[in-house]
Amino acid sequence: MIPGGRYRSGAAPHTTNQRMELAAALDAVRTIEGAVEVVSDSTYVVNCFRQGWWKGWLARGWTNTKKQPVANRDLWEPLVDLYRSRPISFRWVKGHGGNQWNDVADQLAVQASITQQGAEGEGQPPPAHLAVRSRGGERP
C-alpha cells in the first residue's frame, strides 16, 4: 500500500503469514521504480536486510546457519537481487500499534485471507476490501 496511492492485496491457499509478507514486499519492490522504503511489521522481512541475513545465505549457497535450504528462496532470491541493484530500505513498525497504513494493510490481508481473493485500487480502500474487526479488536 502506498499512502494516498495504489494498494494491492493477495491470497494463496495453504501458505504462511511469513510467505505472504515476503510476497507483498517483493511485489511492492517490483512495482515501484526507483528508491523504495518498505515499511512492514514483519521482522522476518525487515531483519533479513537490516541484519544482513541475505549475505550469509549467499555465502553459504542459499542455506541457513543450520545448513538447511533457505525457506521461501523463490521469493527471497529476486528480492535480494533487486535490493542489490538499487536503493531499497526496510523499516519495521509494530503490528496493531496504531500505524494507520500498517493497520489498513493488515485489514486488506485479513480480508484477502478470509475471501481468498485479492483486491487493488487507488486511494483509501473501500469497506468491501477491508476486514471488519469485532468490538474487542480481534480478527473475525
Protein backbone atom coordinates (compact mmCIF):
# COMPACT_ATOMS: atom_id res chain seq x y z
CA MET A 1 0.00 0.00 0.00
CA ILE A 2 1.31 3.40 -0.95
CA PRO A 3 -0.24 6.06 1.31
CA GLY A 4 -2.59 8.06 -0.89
CA GLY A 5 -1.64 5.91 -3.89
CA ARG A 6 -2.15 2.34 -5.02
CA TYR A 7 -2.92 -0.63 -2.84
CA ARG A 8 -3.00 -4.31 -3.59
CA SER A 9 -3.59 -7.46 -1.57
CA GLY A 10 -3.43 -11.10 -2.49
CA ALA A 11 -4.27 -14.57 -1.32
CA ALA A 12 -2.83 -18.03 -1.71
CA PRO A 13 -4.15 -21.33 -0.37
CA HIS A 14 -2.02 -23.37 2.02
CA THR A 15 0.57 -20.69 2.77
CA THR A 16 2.04 -18.90 5.77
CA ASN A 17 1.97 -15.32 7.05
CA GLN A 18 5.71 -15.10 6.51
CA ARG A 19 5.46 -16.16 2.88
CA MET A 20 2.67 -13.68 2.18
CA GLU A 21 4.55 -10.85 3.94
CA LEU A 22 7.59 -11.64 1.83
CA ALA A 23 5.49 -11.85 -1.35
CA ALA A 24 3.99 -8.43 -0.55
CA ALA A 25 7.44 -6.86 -0.13
CA LEU A 26 8.64 -8.40 -3.40
CA ASP A 27 5.51 -7.24 -5.23
CA ALA A 28 5.96 -3.69 -3.91
CA VAL A 29 9.61 -3.52 -4.90
CA ARG A 30 8.87 -4.93 -8.35
CA THR A 31 6.01 -2.47 -8.86
CA ILE A 32 7.60 0.75 -7.60
CA GLU A 33 10.54 2.09 -9.57
CA GLY A 34 13.48 3.90 -8.06
CA ALA A 35 14.25 4.21 -4.37
CA VAL A 36 11.75 2.43 -2.11
CA GLU A 37 11.21 2.24 1.64
CA VAL A 38 9.35 -0.92 2.61
CA VAL A 39 7.52 -0.40 5.91
CA SER A 40 6.43 -3.66 7.49
CA ASP A 41 5.51 -5.25 10.80
CA SER A 42 7.28 -8.41 9.62
CA THR A 43 10.59 -8.91 11.41
CA TYR A 44 11.12 -11.83 9.02
CA VAL A 45 11.29 -9.44 6.06
CA VAL A 46 12.85 -6.39 7.72
CA ASN A 47 15.58 -8.19 9.67
CA CYS A 48 16.78 -10.07 6.61
CA PHE A 49 18.05 -6.77 5.25
CA ARG A 50 18.72 -4.76 8.40
CA GLN A 51 20.72 -7.62 9.93
CA GLY A 52 22.19 -8.86 6.64
CA TRP A 53 20.88 -12.45 6.76
CA TRP A 54 20.93 -12.49 2.96
CA LYS A 55 24.71 -12.07 2.89
CA GLY A 56 25.17 -15.32 4.81
CA TRP A 57 22.67 -17.11 2.60
CA LEU A 58 24.61 -16.11 -0.50
CA ALA A 59 27.94 -17.05 1.04
CA ARG A 60 26.57 -20.48 2.02
CA GLY A 61 24.83 -21.14 -1.31
CA TRP A 62 21.31 -20.34 -0.10
CA THR A 63 21.48 -22.39 3.07
CA ASN A 64 20.82 -21.09 6.57
CA THR A 65 23.10 -21.36 9.60
CA LYS A 66 21.75 -24.88 10.24
CA LYS A 67 22.86 -25.86 6.71
CA GLN A 68 19.23 -26.25 5.63
CA PRO A 69 17.84 -24.71 2.42
CA VAL A 70 16.57 -21.17 2.98
CA ALA A 71 12.78 -21.22 3.24
CA ASN A 72 10.98 -19.23 0.55
CA ARG A 73 14.12 -18.95 -1.58
CA ASP A 74 11.95 -18.47 -4.67
CA LEU A 75 10.82 -15.14 -3.19
CA TRP A 76 13.98 -14.15 -1.33
CA GLU A 77 16.29 -14.54 -4.32
CA PRO A 78 14.60 -11.98 -6.60
CA LEU A 79 14.08 -9.60 -3.66
CA VAL A 80 17.76 -9.77 -2.74
CA ASP A 81 18.70 -9.21 -6.39
CA LEU A 82 16.52 -6.09 -6.51
CA TYR A 83 17.90 -4.90 -3.17
CA ARG A 84 21.42 -5.19 -4.50
CA SER A 85 20.57 -3.30 -7.70
CA ARG A 86 19.01 -0.07 -6.35
CA PRO A 87 18.23 1.89 -3.18
CA ILE A 88 15.74 -0.12 -1.10
CA SER A 89 15.39 0.30 2.65
CA PHE A 90 13.30 -1.54 5.22
CA ARG A 91 11.66 -0.08 8.31
CA TRP A 92 9.87 -2.08 10.99
CA VAL A 93 6.66 -0.86 12.64
CA LYS A 94 4.81 -2.57 15.45
CA GLY A 95 1.81 -4.53 14.21
CA HIS A 96 -1.50 -3.33 15.63
CA GLY A 97 0.45 -0.43 17.07
CA GLY A 98 -1.62 2.40 15.64
CA ASN A 99 0.32 2.98 12.41
CA GLN A 100 -2.53 3.97 10.11
CA TRP A 101 -1.14 2.44 6.93
CA ASN A 102 0.07 -0.76 8.57
CA ASP A 103 -3.39 -1.18 10.10
CA VAL A 104 -5.02 -0.75 6.67
CA ALA A 105 -2.56 -3.21 5.13
CA ASP A 106 -3.42 -5.70 7.88
CA GLN A 107 -7.15 -5.30 7.19
CA LEU A 108 -6.54 -5.87 3.47
CA ALA A 109 -4.50 -9.01 4.27
CA VAL A 110 -7.11 -10.40 6.66
CA GLN A 111 -9.92 -9.80 4.16
CA ALA A 112 -7.90 -11.49 1.39
CA SER A 113 -7.24 -14.48 3.65
CA ILE A 114 -10.94 -14.79 4.50
CA THR A 115 -12.22 -14.46 0.94
CA GLN A 116 -9.16 -15.96 -0.78
CA GLN A 117 -9.35 -13.03 -3.20
CA GLY A 118 -7.03 -10.09 -3.52
CA ALA A 119 -8.06 -6.51 -4.07
CA GLU A 120 -6.45 -3.49 -5.64
CA GLY A 121 -7.21 0.12 -6.32
CA GLU A 122 -6.25 3.75 -5.73
CA GLY A 123 -6.52 5.79 -2.55
CA GLN A 124 -8.32 4.62 0.57
CA PRO A 125 -9.58 1.04 0.14
CA PRO A 126 -13.38 0.80 0.28
CA PRO A 127 -15.01 -1.08 3.17
CA ALA A 128 -15.62 -4.14 0.94
CA HIS A 129 -11.82 -4.62 0.70
CA LEU A 130 -11.22 -4.30 4.44
CA ALA A 131 -11.79 -6.89 7.15
CA VAL A 132 -14.20 -5.81 9.85
CA ARG A 133 -12.93 -6.03 13.42
CA SER A 134 -15.10 -7.21 16.29
CA ARG A 135 -15.71 -4.94 19.27
CA GLY A 136 -12.73 -6.45 21.06
CA GLY A 137 -10.43 -5.66 18.15
CA GLU A 138 -9.99 -9.33 17.30
CA ARG A 139 -9.92 -10.65 13.79
CA PRO A 140 -13.12 -12.33 12.63
